[in-house]
PDB file of all heavy atoms in Angstrom:
ATOM      1  N   MET A   1     -39.812  57.930 296.623  1.00  0.00           N
ATOM      2  CA  MET A   1     -38.968  58.352 295.503  1.00  0.00           C
ATOM      3  C   MET A   1     -39.070  57.323 294.385  1.00  0.00           C
ATOM      4  O   MET A   1     -38.903  56.120 294.618  1.00  0.00           O
ATOM      5  CB  MET A   1     -37.513  58.474 295.972  1.00  0.00           C
ATOM      6  CG  MET A   1     -36.571  59.015 294.920  1.00  0.00           C
ATOM      7  SD  MET A   1     -36.388  60.813 295.056  1.00  0.00           S
ATOM      8  CE  MET A   1     -35.294  61.140 293.670  1.00  0.00           C
ATOM      9  N   VAL A   2     -39.352  57.800 293.188  1.00  0.00           N
ATOM     10  CA  VAL A   2     -39.395  56.943 292.010  1.00  0.00           C
ATOM     11  C   VAL A   2     -38.369  57.472 291.024  1.00  0.00           C
ATOM     12  O   VAL A   2     -38.440  58.622 290.588  1.00  0.00           O
ATOM     13  CB  VAL A   2     -40.806  56.927 291.378  1.00  0.00           C
ATOM     14  CG1 VAL A   2     -40.823  56.063 290.122  1.00  0.00           C
ATOM     15  CG2 VAL A   2     -41.841  56.423 292.385  1.00  0.00           C
ATOM     16  N   PHE A   3     -37.393  56.635 290.693  1.00  0.00           N
ATOM     17  CA  PHE A   3     -36.273  57.034 289.847  1.00  0.00           C
ATOM     18  C   PHE A   3     -36.533  56.654 288.388  1.00  0.00           C
ATOM     19  O   PHE A   3     -37.404  55.843 288.085  1.00  0.00           O
ATOM     20  CB  PHE A   3     -34.984  56.333 290.301  1.00  0.00           C
ATOM     21  CG  PHE A   3     -34.616  56.569 291.742  1.00  0.00           C
ATOM     22  CD1 PHE A   3     -35.120  55.762 292.748  1.00  0.00           C
ATOM     23  CD2 PHE A   3     -33.758  57.605 292.090  1.00  0.00           C
ATOM     24  CE1 PHE A   3     -34.769  55.966 294.076  1.00  0.00           C
ATOM     25  CE2 PHE A   3     -33.404  57.824 293.415  1.00  0.00           C
ATOM     26  CZ  PHE A   3     -33.911  56.999 294.406  1.00  0.00           C
ATOM     27  N   GLN A   4     -35.697  57.180 287.495  1.00  0.00           N
ATOM     28  CA  GLN A   4     -35.875  56.813 286.090  1.00  0.00           C
ATOM     29  C   GLN A   4     -35.422  55.384 285.823  1.00  0.00           C
ATOM     30  O   GLN A   4     -35.866  54.755 284.869  1.00  0.00           O
ATOM     31  CB  GLN A   4     -35.131  57.793 285.182  1.00  0.00           C
ATOM     32  CG  GLN A   4     -33.675  58.009 285.475  1.00  0.00           C
ATOM     33  CD  GLN A   4     -33.074  59.059 284.544  1.00  0.00           C
ATOM     34  OE1 GLN A   4     -32.992  58.838 283.345  1.00  0.00           O
ATOM     35  NE2 GLN A   4     -32.665  60.182 285.079  1.00  0.00           N
ATOM     36  N   SER A   5     -34.552  54.830 286.683  1.00  0.00           N
ATOM     37  CA  SER A   5     -33.978  53.510 286.418  1.00  0.00           C
ATOM     38  C   SER A   5     -34.570  52.404 287.301  1.00  0.00           C
ATOM     39  O   SER A   5     -33.946  51.361 287.479  1.00  0.00           O
ATOM     40  CB  SER A   5     -32.461  53.566 286.610  1.00  0.00           C
ATOM     41  OG  SER A   5     -32.156  54.071 287.906  1.00  0.00           O
ATOM     42  N   PHE A   6     -35.750  52.623 287.853  1.00  0.00           N
ATOM     43  CA  PHE A   6     -36.533  51.637 288.613  1.00  0.00           C
ATOM     44  C   PHE A   6     -35.903  51.281 289.967  1.00  0.00           C
ATOM     45  O   PHE A   6     -36.574  51.296 290.979  1.00  0.00           O
ATOM     46  CB  PHE A   6     -36.799  50.346 287.822  1.00  0.00           C
ATOM     47  CG  PHE A   6     -37.078  50.509 286.370  1.00  0.00           C
ATOM     48  CD1 PHE A   6     -36.559  49.623 285.431  1.00  0.00           C
ATOM     49  CD2 PHE A   6     -37.863  51.552 285.901  1.00  0.00           C
ATOM     50  CE1 PHE A   6     -36.820  49.773 284.077  1.00  0.00           C
ATOM     51  CE2 PHE A   6     -38.139  51.716 284.550  1.00  0.00           C
ATOM     52  CZ  PHE A   6     -37.604  50.826 283.643  1.00  0.00           C
ATOM     53  N   ASN A   7     -34.603  50.897 289.976  1.00  0.00           N
ATOM     54  CA  ASN A   7     -33.889  50.577 291.228  1.00  0.00           C
ATOM     55  C   ASN A   7     -34.550  49.471 292.038  1.00  0.00           C
ATOM     56  O   ASN A   7     -34.553  49.518 293.260  1.00  0.00           O
ATOM     57  CB  ASN A   7     -33.732  51.835 292.102  1.00  0.00           C
ATOM     58  CG  ASN A   7     -32.695  52.806 291.565  1.00  0.00           C
ATOM     59  OD1 ASN A   7     -32.301  52.713 290.409  1.00  0.00           O
ATOM     60  ND2 ASN A   7     -32.253  53.726 292.380  1.00  0.00           N
ATOM     61  N   LEU A   8     -35.098  48.485 291.360  1.00  0.00           N
ATOM     62  CA  LEU A   8     -35.670  47.337 292.060  1.00  0.00           C
ATOM     63  C   LEU A   8     -34.560  46.335 292.406  1.00  0.00           C
ATOM     64  O   LEU A   8     -33.541  46.269 291.735  1.00  0.00           O
ATOM     65  CB  LEU A   8     -36.724  46.645 291.189  1.00  0.00           C
ATOM     66  CG  LEU A   8     -37.940  47.496 290.799  1.00  0.00           C
ATOM     67  CD1 LEU A   8     -38.817  46.734 289.817  1.00  0.00           C
ATOM     68  CD2 LEU A   8     -38.747  47.898 292.033  1.00  0.00           C
ATOM     69  N   PHE A   9     -34.782  45.547 293.463  1.00  0.00           N
ATOM     70  CA  PHE A   9     -33.830  44.487 293.827  1.00  0.00           C
ATOM     71  C   PHE A   9     -34.054  43.296 292.895  1.00  0.00           C
ATOM     72  O   PHE A   9     -35.108  42.645 292.939  1.00  0.00           O
ATOM     73  CB  PHE A   9     -34.026  44.064 295.280  1.00  0.00           C
ATOM     74  CG  PHE A   9     -33.624  45.113 296.268  1.00  0.00           C
ATOM     75  CD1 PHE A   9     -34.580  45.776 297.024  1.00  0.00           C
ATOM     76  CD2 PHE A   9     -32.289  45.456 296.449  1.00  0.00           C
ATOM     77  CE1 PHE A   9     -34.218  46.758 297.939  1.00  0.00           C
ATOM     78  CE2 PHE A   9     -31.915  46.434 297.361  1.00  0.00           C
ATOM     79  CZ  PHE A   9     -32.872  47.090 298.107  1.00  0.00           C
ATOM     80  N   ALA A  10     -33.054  43.007 292.061  1.00  0.00           N
ATOM     81  CA  ALA A  10     -33.200  41.987 291.026  1.00  0.00           C
ATOM     82  C   ALA A  10     -33.412  40.590 291.600  1.00  0.00           C
ATOM     83  O   ALA A  10     -34.074  39.749 290.978  1.00  0.00           O
ATOM     84  CB  ALA A  10     -31.967  41.994 290.113  1.00  0.00           C
ATOM     85  N   HIS A  11     -32.855  40.329 292.794  1.00  0.00           N
ATOM     86  CA  HIS A  11     -32.905  38.973 293.361  1.00  0.00           C
ATOM     87  C   HIS A  11     -34.140  38.749 294.228  1.00  0.00           C
ATOM     88  O   HIS A  11     -34.292  37.682 294.818  1.00  0.00           O
ATOM     89  CB  HIS A  11     -31.647  38.716 294.194  1.00  0.00           C
ATOM     90  CG  HIS A  11     -31.508  39.638 295.375  1.00  0.00           C
ATOM     91  ND1 HIS A  11     -31.217  40.981 295.217  1.00  0.00           N
ATOM     92  CD2 HIS A  11     -31.647  39.437 296.710  1.00  0.00           C
ATOM     93  CE1 HIS A  11     -31.172  41.552 296.422  1.00  0.00           C
ATOM     94  NE2 HIS A  11     -31.431  40.633 297.335  1.00  0.00           N
ATOM     95  N   LYS A  12     -35.012  39.765 294.315  1.00  0.00           N
ATOM     96  CA  LYS A  12     -36.239  39.619 295.103  1.00  0.00           C
ATOM     97  C   LYS A  12     -37.458  39.668 294.185  1.00  0.00           C
ATOM     98  O   LYS A  12     -37.446  40.351 293.159  1.00  0.00           O
ATOM     99  CB  LYS A  12     -36.338  40.734 296.151  1.00  0.00           C
ATOM    100  CG  LYS A  12     -35.300  40.629 297.270  1.00  0.00           C
ATOM    101  CD  LYS A  12     -35.550  41.662 298.347  1.00  0.00           C
ATOM    102  CE  LYS A  12     -34.528  41.523 299.465  1.00  0.00           C
ATOM    103  NZ  LYS A  12     -34.708  40.257 300.210  1.00  0.00           N
ATOM    104  N   SER A  13     -38.504  38.962 294.585  1.00  0.00           N
ATOM    105  CA  SER A  13     -39.734  38.984 293.797  1.00  0.00           C
ATOM    106  C   SER A  13     -40.341  40.389 293.831  1.00  0.00           C
ATOM    107  O   SER A  13     -39.980  41.234 294.658  1.00  0.00           O
ATOM    108  CB  SER A  13     -40.743  37.973 294.343  1.00  0.00           C
ATOM    109  OG  SER A  13     -41.283  38.431 295.581  1.00  0.00           O
ATOM    110  N   VAL A  14     -41.296  40.590 292.933  1.00  0.00           N
ATOM    111  CA  VAL A  14     -42.008  41.868 292.887  1.00  0.00           C
ATOM    112  C   VAL A  14     -42.651  42.167 294.239  1.00  0.00           C
ATOM    113  O   VAL A  14     -42.519  43.279 294.777  1.00  0.00           O
ATOM    114  CB  VAL A  14     -43.064  41.825 291.760  1.00  0.00           C
ATOM    115  CG1 VAL A  14     -44.103  42.937 291.931  1.00  0.00           C
ATOM    116  CG2 VAL A  14     -42.380  41.943 290.400  1.00  0.00           C
ATOM    117  N   LEU A  15     -43.342  41.188 294.815  1.00  0.00           N
ATOM    118  CA  LEU A  15     -44.004  41.420 296.094  1.00  0.00           C
ATOM    119  C   LEU A  15     -42.984  41.696 297.203  1.00  0.00           C
ATOM    120  O   LEU A  15     -43.203  42.584 298.042  1.00  0.00           O
ATOM    121  CB  LEU A  15     -44.877  40.224 296.474  1.00  0.00           C
ATOM    122  CG  LEU A  15     -45.696  40.377 297.759  1.00  0.00           C
ATOM    123  CD1 LEU A  15     -46.638  41.580 297.673  1.00  0.00           C
ATOM    124  CD2 LEU A  15     -46.495  39.100 298.035  1.00  0.00           C
ATOM    125  N   ASP A  16     -41.865  40.981 297.186  1.00  0.00           N
ATOM    126  CA  ASP A  16     -40.834  41.222 298.202  1.00  0.00           C
ATOM    127  C   ASP A  16     -40.229  42.618 298.066  1.00  0.00           C
ATOM    128  O   ASP A  16     -39.895  43.257 299.070  1.00  0.00           O
ATOM    129  CB  ASP A  16     -39.724  40.167 298.103  1.00  0.00           C
ATOM    130  CG  ASP A  16     -40.141  38.820 298.678  1.00  0.00           C
ATOM    131  OD1 ASP A  16     -41.153  38.774 299.396  1.00  0.00           O
ATOM    132  OD2 ASP A  16     -39.453  37.814 298.389  1.00  0.00           O
ATOM    133  N   ASN A  17     -40.101  43.106 296.831  1.00  0.00           N
ATOM    134  CA  ASN A  17     -39.615  44.470 296.629  1.00  0.00           C
ATOM    135  C   ASN A  17     -40.540  45.487 297.293  1.00  0.00           C
ATOM    136  O   ASN A  17     -40.086  46.468 297.881  1.00  0.00           O
ATOM    137  CB  ASN A  17     -39.501  44.774 295.126  1.00  0.00           C
ATOM    138  CG  ASN A  17     -38.126  44.527 294.557  1.00  0.00           C
ATOM    139  OD1 ASN A  17     -37.230  45.366 294.665  1.00  0.00           O
ATOM    140  ND2 ASN A  17     -37.937  43.365 293.958  1.00  0.00           N
ATOM    141  N   VAL A  18     -41.831  45.233 297.202  1.00  0.00           N
ATOM    142  CA  VAL A  18     -42.824  46.177 297.726  1.00  0.00           C
ATOM    143  C   VAL A  18     -42.928  46.101 299.251  1.00  0.00           C
ATOM    144  O   VAL A  18     -43.159  47.115 299.916  1.00  0.00           O
ATOM    145  CB  VAL A  18     -44.194  45.932 297.054  1.00  0.00           C
ATOM    146  CG1 VAL A  18     -45.284  46.782 297.685  1.00  0.00           C
ATOM    147  CG2 VAL A  18     -44.109  46.240 295.554  1.00  0.00           C
ATOM    148  N   THR A  19     -42.738  44.899 299.812  1.00  0.00           N
ATOM    149  CA  THR A  19     -42.951  44.728 301.256  1.00  0.00           C
ATOM    150  C   THR A  19     -41.697  44.949 302.095  1.00  0.00           C
ATOM    151  O   THR A  19     -41.797  45.091 303.322  1.00  0.00           O
ATOM    152  CB  THR A  19     -43.478  43.313 301.563  1.00  0.00           C
ATOM    153  OG1 THR A  19     -42.531  42.335 301.080  1.00  0.00           O
ATOM    154  CG2 THR A  19     -44.818  43.074 300.906  1.00  0.00           C
ATOM    155  N   LEU A  20     -40.526  45.011 301.461  1.00  0.00           N
ATOM    156  CA  LEU A  20     -39.278  45.101 302.213  1.00  0.00           C
ATOM    157  C   LEU A  20     -39.245  46.323 303.130  1.00  0.00           C
ATOM    158  O   LEU A  20     -38.930  46.222 304.326  1.00  0.00           O
ATOM    159  CB  LEU A  20     -38.088  45.127 301.253  1.00  0.00           C
ATOM    160  CG  LEU A  20     -36.705  45.127 301.904  1.00  0.00           C
ATOM    161  CD1 LEU A  20     -36.459  43.826 302.647  1.00  0.00           C
ATOM    162  CD2 LEU A  20     -35.611  45.351 300.853  1.00  0.00           C
ATOM    163  N   GLY A  21     -39.594  47.495 302.591  1.00  0.00           N
ATOM    164  CA  GLY A  21     -39.561  48.726 303.386  1.00  0.00           C
ATOM    165  C   GLY A  21     -40.533  48.712 304.557  1.00  0.00           C
ATOM    166  O   GLY A  21     -40.143  48.983 305.701  1.00  0.00           O
ATOM    167  N   PRO A  22     -41.808  48.392 304.310  1.00  0.00           N
ATOM    168  CA  PRO A  22     -42.753  48.358 305.431  1.00  0.00           C
ATOM    169  C   PRO A  22     -42.339  47.393 306.548  1.00  0.00           C
ATOM    170  O   PRO A  22     -42.548  47.680 307.723  1.00  0.00           O
ATOM    171  CB  PRO A  22     -44.055  47.913 304.760  1.00  0.00           C
ATOM    172  CG  PRO A  22     -43.936  48.398 303.355  1.00  0.00           C
ATOM    173  CD  PRO A  22     -42.484  48.261 303.010  1.00  0.00           C
ATOM    174  N   ILE A  23     -41.747  46.256 306.174  1.00  0.00           N
ATOM    175  CA  ILE A  23     -41.336  45.280 307.188  1.00  0.00           C
ATOM    176  C   ILE A  23     -40.103  45.767 307.940  1.00  0.00           C
ATOM    177  O   ILE A  23     -40.059  45.765 309.179  1.00  0.00           O
ATOM    178  CB  ILE A  23     -41.076  43.899 306.531  1.00  0.00           C
ATOM    179  CG1 ILE A  23     -42.403  43.292 306.043  1.00  0.00           C
ATOM    180  CG2 ILE A  23     -40.396  42.954 307.523  1.00  0.00           C
ATOM    181  CD1 ILE A  23     -42.241  42.055 305.172  1.00  0.00           C
ATOM    182  N   LYS A  24     -39.080  46.226 307.190  1.00  0.00           N
ATOM    183  CA  LYS A  24     -37.800  46.583 307.803  1.00  0.00           C
ATOM    184  C   LYS A  24     -37.839  47.947 308.498  1.00  0.00           C
ATOM    185  O   LYS A  24     -37.240  48.126 309.557  1.00  0.00           O
ATOM    186  CB  LYS A  24     -36.691  46.598 306.741  1.00  0.00           C
ATOM    187  CG  LYS A  24     -36.400  45.246 306.113  1.00  0.00           C
ATOM    188  CD  LYS A  24     -35.604  44.371 307.051  1.00  0.00           C
ATOM    189  CE  LYS A  24     -35.113  43.117 306.337  1.00  0.00           C
ATOM    190  NZ  LYS A  24     -34.454  42.179 307.261  1.00  0.00           N
ATOM    191  N   VAL A  25     -38.528  48.906 307.886  1.00  0.00           N
ATOM    192  CA  VAL A  25     -38.505  50.281 308.404  1.00  0.00           C
ATOM    193  C   VAL A  25     -39.724  50.588 309.267  1.00  0.00           C
ATOM    194  O   VAL A  25     -39.610  51.165 310.351  1.00  0.00           O
ATOM    195  CB  VAL A  25     -38.391  51.300 307.247  1.00  0.00           C
ATOM    196  CG1 VAL A  25     -38.377  52.732 307.792  1.00  0.00           C
ATOM    197  CG2 VAL A  25     -37.136  51.036 306.425  1.00  0.00           C
ATOM    198  N   ARG A  26     -40.897  50.197 308.788  1.00  0.00           N
ATOM    199  CA  ARG A  26     -42.138  50.485 309.512  1.00  0.00           C
ATOM    200  C   ARG A  26     -42.456  49.435 310.582  1.00  0.00           C
ATOM    201  O   ARG A  26     -43.316  49.661 311.430  1.00  0.00           O
ATOM    202  CB  ARG A  26     -43.307  50.562 308.531  1.00  0.00           C
ATOM    203  CG  ARG A  26     -43.249  51.709 307.531  1.00  0.00           C
ATOM    204  CD  ARG A  26     -43.649  52.997 308.163  1.00  0.00           C
ATOM    205  NE  ARG A  26     -43.922  54.024 307.167  1.00  0.00           N
ATOM    206  CZ  ARG A  26     -43.753  55.317 307.387  1.00  0.00           C
ATOM    207  NH1 ARG A  26     -43.293  55.729 308.551  1.00  0.00           N
ATOM    208  NH2 ARG A  26     -44.025  56.208 306.453  1.00  0.00           N
ATOM    209  N   GLY A  27     -41.773  48.271 310.512  1.00  0.00           N
ATOM    210  CA  GLY A  27     -42.011  47.238 311.502  1.00  0.00           C
ATOM    211  C   GLY A  27     -43.313  46.486 311.325  1.00  0.00           C
ATOM    212  O   GLY A  27     -43.831  45.886 312.270  1.00  0.00           O
ATOM    213  N   GLN A  28     -43.848  46.490 310.086  1.00  0.00           N
ATOM    214  CA  GLN A  28     -45.087  45.766 309.852  1.00  0.00           C
ATOM    215  C   GLN A  28     -44.833  44.254 309.887  1.00  0.00           C
ATOM    216  O   GLN A  28     -43.761  43.775 309.511  1.00  0.00           O
ATOM    217  CB  GLN A  28     -45.664  46.142 308.478  1.00  0.00           C
ATOM    218  CG  GLN A  28     -46.354  47.491 308.443  1.00  0.00           C
ATOM    219  CD  GLN A  28     -47.001  47.764 307.084  1.00  0.00           C
ATOM    220  OE1 GLN A  28     -47.100  46.885 306.246  1.00  0.00           O
ATOM    221  NE2 GLN A  28     -47.420  49.007 306.879  1.00  0.00           N
ATOM    222  N   LYS A  29     -45.841  43.523 310.303  1.00  0.00           N
ATOM    223  CA  LYS A  29     -45.795  42.068 310.225  1.00  0.00           C
ATOM    224  C   LYS A  29     -45.928  41.646 308.754  1.00  0.00           C
ATOM    225  O   LYS A  29     -46.657  42.289 307.988  1.00  0.00           O
ATOM    226  CB  LYS A  29     -46.935  41.457 311.037  1.00  0.00           C
ATOM    227  CG  LYS A  29     -46.855  41.761 312.536  1.00  0.00           C
ATOM    228  CD  LYS A  29     -45.739  40.955 313.192  1.00  0.00           C
ATOM    229  CE  LYS A  29     -45.777  41.079 314.708  1.00  0.00           C
ATOM    230  NZ  LYS A  29     -45.232  42.349 315.196  1.00  0.00           N
ATOM    231  N   ARG A  30     -45.245  40.556 308.388  1.00  0.00           N
ATOM    232  CA  ARG A  30     -45.220  40.145 306.987  1.00  0.00           C
ATOM    233  C   ARG A  30     -46.622  39.948 306.390  1.00  0.00           C
ATOM    234  O   ARG A  30     -46.887  40.445 305.278  1.00  0.00           O
ATOM    235  CB  ARG A  30     -44.372  38.888 306.809  1.00  0.00           C
ATOM    236  CG  ARG A  30     -44.249  38.448 305.341  1.00  0.00           C
ATOM    237  CD  ARG A  30     -43.251  37.335 305.152  1.00  0.00           C
ATOM    238  NE  ARG A  30     -41.903  37.751 305.488  1.00  0.00           N
ATOM    239  CZ  ARG A  30     -41.089  38.399 304.651  1.00  0.00           C
ATOM    240  NH1 ARG A  30     -41.524  38.719 303.439  1.00  0.00           N
ATOM    241  NH2 ARG A  30     -39.885  38.740 305.030  1.00  0.00           N
ATOM    242  N   PRO A  31     -47.545  39.248 307.056  1.00  0.00           N
ATOM    243  CA  PRO A  31     -48.873  39.069 306.435  1.00  0.00           C
ATOM    244  C   PRO A  31     -49.566  40.392 306.125  1.00  0.00           C
ATOM    245  O   PRO A  31     -50.185  40.548 305.070  1.00  0.00           O
ATOM    246  CB  PRO A  31     -49.643  38.271 307.496  1.00  0.00           C
ATOM    247  CG  PRO A  31     -48.592  37.559 308.273  1.00  0.00           C
ATOM    248  CD  PRO A  31     -47.434  38.510 308.331  1.00  0.00           C
ATOM    249  N   GLU A  32     -49.451  41.341 307.049  1.00  0.00           N
ATOM    250  CA  GLU A  32     -50.065  42.656 306.838  1.00  0.00           C
ATOM    251  C   GLU A  32     -49.401  43.375 305.666  1.00  0.00           C
ATOM    252  O   GLU A  32     -50.076  43.963 304.810  1.00  0.00           O
ATOM    253  CB  GLU A  32     -49.906  43.489 308.120  1.00  0.00           C
ATOM    254  CG  GLU A  32     -50.440  44.908 308.033  1.00  0.00           C
ATOM    255  CD  GLU A  32     -50.061  45.762 309.235  1.00  0.00           C
ATOM    256  OE1 GLU A  32     -49.544  45.210 310.229  1.00  0.00           O
ATOM    257  OE2 GLU A  32     -50.283  46.984 309.170  1.00  0.00           O
ATOM    258  N   ALA A  33     -48.057  43.331 305.630  1.00  0.00           N
ATOM    259  CA  ALA A  33     -47.317  44.005 304.554  1.00  0.00           C
ATOM    260  C   ALA A  33     -47.638  43.371 303.203  1.00  0.00           C
ATOM    261  O   ALA A  33     -47.773  44.079 302.194  1.00  0.00           O
ATOM    262  CB  ALA A  33     -45.821  43.942 304.838  1.00  0.00           C
ATOM    263  N   GLU A  34     -47.771  42.046 303.176  1.00  0.00           N
ATOM    264  CA  GLU A  34     -48.050  41.369 301.908  1.00  0.00           C
ATOM    265  C   GLU A  34     -49.462  41.656 301.419  1.00  0.00           C
ATOM    266  O   GLU A  34     -49.692  41.832 300.222  1.00  0.00           O
ATOM    267  CB  GLU A  34     -47.814  39.868 302.049  1.00  0.00           C
ATOM    268  CG  GLU A  34     -46.328  39.523 302.175  1.00  0.00           C
ATOM    269  CD  GLU A  34     -46.046  38.038 302.103  1.00  0.00           C
ATOM    270  OE1 GLU A  34     -47.021  37.240 302.192  1.00  0.00           O
ATOM    271  OE2 GLU A  34     -44.863  37.672 301.956  1.00  0.00           O
ATOM    272  N   GLN A  35     -50.405  41.733 302.353  1.00  0.00           N
ATOM    273  CA  GLN A  35     -51.777  42.070 301.959  1.00  0.00           C
ATOM    274  C   GLN A  35     -51.824  43.474 301.348  1.00  0.00           C
ATOM    275  O   GLN A  35     -52.425  43.684 300.291  1.00  0.00           O
ATOM    276  CB  GLN A  35     -52.712  41.982 303.162  1.00  0.00           C
ATOM    277  CG  GLN A  35     -54.167  42.303 302.817  1.00  0.00           C
ATOM    278  CD  GLN A  35     -55.074  42.277 304.039  1.00  0.00           C
ATOM    279  OE1 GLN A  35     -54.618  42.211 305.181  1.00  0.00           O
ATOM    280  NE2 GLN A  35     -56.374  42.342 303.810  1.00  0.00           N
ATOM    281  N   ARG A  36     -51.181  44.410 302.019  1.00  0.00           N
ATOM    282  CA  ARG A  36     -51.139  45.785 301.513  1.00  0.00           C
ATOM    283  C   ARG A  36     -50.367  45.845 300.195  1.00  0.00           C
ATOM    284  O   ARG A  36     -50.763  46.544 299.262  1.00  0.00           O
ATOM    285  CB  ARG A  36     -50.477  46.675 302.568  1.00  0.00           C
ATOM    286  CG  ARG A  36     -50.108  48.073 302.108  1.00  0.00           C
ATOM    287  CD  ARG A  36     -51.245  49.042 302.223  1.00  0.00           C
ATOM    288  NE  ARG A  36     -50.782  50.384 301.965  1.00  0.00           N
ATOM    289  CZ  ARG A  36     -51.459  51.270 301.238  1.00  0.00           C
ATOM    290  NH1 ARG A  36     -52.631  50.958 300.731  1.00  0.00           N
ATOM    291  NH2 ARG A  36     -50.992  52.489 301.039  1.00  0.00           N
ATOM    292  N   GLY A  37     -49.256  45.102 300.111  1.00  0.00           N
ATOM    293  CA  GLY A  37     -48.455  45.088 298.891  1.00  0.00           C
ATOM    294  C   GLY A  37     -49.246  44.594 297.693  1.00  0.00           C
ATOM    295  O   GLY A  37     -49.169  45.165 296.600  1.00  0.00           O
ATOM    296  N   LYS A  38     -50.030  43.535 297.891  1.00  0.00           N
ATOM    297  CA  LYS A  38     -50.847  43.004 296.794  1.00  0.00           C
ATOM    298  C   LYS A  38     -51.906  44.014 296.365  1.00  0.00           C
ATOM    299  O   LYS A  38     -52.195  44.162 295.168  1.00  0.00           O
ATOM    300  CB  LYS A  38     -51.498  41.694 297.231  1.00  0.00           C
ATOM    301  CG  LYS A  38     -50.509  40.530 297.336  1.00  0.00           C
ATOM    302  CD  LYS A  38     -51.164  39.293 297.922  1.00  0.00           C
ATOM    303  CE  LYS A  38     -50.162  38.159 298.074  1.00  0.00           C
ATOM    304  NZ  LYS A  38     -50.743  36.975 298.752  1.00  0.00           N
ATOM    305  N   GLN A  39     -52.483  44.729 297.341  1.00  0.00           N
ATOM    306  CA  GLN A  39     -53.470  45.759 297.009  1.00  0.00           C
ATOM    307  C   GLN A  39     -52.834  46.857 296.152  1.00  0.00           C
ATOM    308  O   GLN A  39     -53.437  47.321 295.174  1.00  0.00           O
ATOM    309  CB  GLN A  39     -54.038  46.370 298.291  1.00  0.00           C
ATOM    310  CG  GLN A  39     -54.957  45.441 299.078  1.00  0.00           C
ATOM    311  CD  GLN A  39     -55.341  46.023 300.430  1.00  0.00           C
ATOM    312  OE1 GLN A  39     -54.756  47.002 300.896  1.00  0.00           O
ATOM    313  NE2 GLN A  39     -56.322  45.399 301.083  1.00  0.00           N
ATOM    314  N   LEU A  40     -51.613  47.253 296.517  1.00  0.00           N
ATOM    315  CA  LEU A  40     -50.937  48.320 295.775  1.00  0.00           C
ATOM    316  C   LEU A  40     -50.531  47.854 294.381  1.00  0.00           C
ATOM    317  O   LEU A  40     -50.625  48.619 293.410  1.00  0.00           O
ATOM    318  CB  LEU A  40     -49.714  48.816 296.555  1.00  0.00           C
ATOM    319  CG  LEU A  40     -50.034  49.637 297.794  1.00  0.00           C
ATOM    320  CD1 LEU A  40     -48.786  49.850 298.643  1.00  0.00           C
ATOM    321  CD2 LEU A  40     -50.638  50.995 297.411  1.00  0.00           C
ATOM    322  N   LEU A  41     -50.081  46.622 294.268  1.00  0.00           N
ATOM    323  CA  LEU A  41     -49.730  46.085 292.944  1.00  0.00           C
ATOM    324  C   LEU A  41     -50.971  46.016 292.062  1.00  0.00           C
ATOM    325  O   LEU A  41     -50.910  46.322 290.859  1.00  0.00           O
ATOM    326  CB  LEU A  41     -49.071  44.719 293.082  1.00  0.00           C
ATOM    327  CG  LEU A  41     -47.660  44.736 293.692  1.00  0.00           C
ATOM    328  CD1 LEU A  41     -47.194  43.324 294.011  1.00  0.00           C
ATOM    329  CD2 LEU A  41     -46.665  45.418 292.745  1.00  0.00           C
ATOM    330  N   ASP A  42     -52.113  45.637 292.646  1.00  0.00           N
ATOM    331  CA  ASP A  42     -53.372  45.675 291.897  1.00  0.00           C
ATOM    332  C   ASP A  42     -53.693  47.110 291.474  1.00  0.00           C
ATOM    333  O   ASP A  42     -54.121  47.354 290.336  1.00  0.00           O
ATOM    334  CB  ASP A  42     -54.522  45.128 292.749  1.00  0.00           C
ATOM    335  CG  ASP A  42     -54.519  43.607 292.850  1.00  0.00           C
ATOM    336  OD1 ASP A  42     -53.915  42.942 291.986  1.00  0.00           O
ATOM    337  OD2 ASP A  42     -55.117  43.085 293.819  1.00  0.00           O
ATOM    338  N   ARG A  43     -53.475  48.032 292.380  1.00  0.00           N
ATOM    339  CA  ARG A  43     -53.809  49.442 292.137  1.00  0.00           C
ATOM    340  C   ARG A  43     -53.032  50.008 290.957  1.00  0.00           C
ATOM    341  O   ARG A  43     -53.563  50.812 290.187  1.00  0.00           O
ATOM    342  CB  ARG A  43     -53.510  50.232 293.407  1.00  0.00           C
ATOM    343  CG  ARG A  43     -53.853  51.703 293.376  1.00  0.00           C
ATOM    344  CD  ARG A  43     -53.683  52.255 294.782  1.00  0.00           C
ATOM    345  NE  ARG A  43     -53.629  53.696 294.844  1.00  0.00           N
ATOM    346  CZ  ARG A  43     -53.343  54.381 295.941  1.00  0.00           C
ATOM    347  NH1 ARG A  43     -53.100  53.729 297.066  1.00  0.00           N
ATOM    348  NH2 ARG A  43     -53.321  55.701 295.945  1.00  0.00           N
ATOM    349  N   VAL A  44     -51.774  49.568 290.792  1.00  0.00           N
ATOM    350  CA  VAL A  44     -50.967  50.083 289.672  1.00  0.00           C
ATOM    351  C   VAL A  44     -50.994  49.133 288.475  1.00  0.00           C
ATOM    352  O   VAL A  44     -50.264  49.329 287.503  1.00  0.00           O
ATOM    353  CB  VAL A  44     -49.509  50.376 290.097  1.00  0.00           C
ATOM    354  CG1 VAL A  44     -49.471  51.416 291.203  1.00  0.00           C
ATOM    355  CG2 VAL A  44     -48.782  49.101 290.528  1.00  0.00           C
ATOM    356  N   GLY A  45     -51.840  48.094 288.545  1.00  0.00           N
ATOM    357  CA  GLY A  45     -52.078  47.252 287.383  1.00  0.00           C
ATOM    358  C   GLY A  45     -51.098  46.126 287.141  1.00  0.00           C
ATOM    359  O   GLY A  45     -51.027  45.599 286.027  1.00  0.00           O
TER     360      GLY A  45
END
């Protein structure tokens, strides 16, 4: 879900915003989530 008001966590870094769900919900290990997160951030510029 992408909202009009972004809904990012202000107190977390951009990368932490992206990796929070995969780590907490999907149970990914942090290094794996961060690698994927960086790829996705690159993908969206």
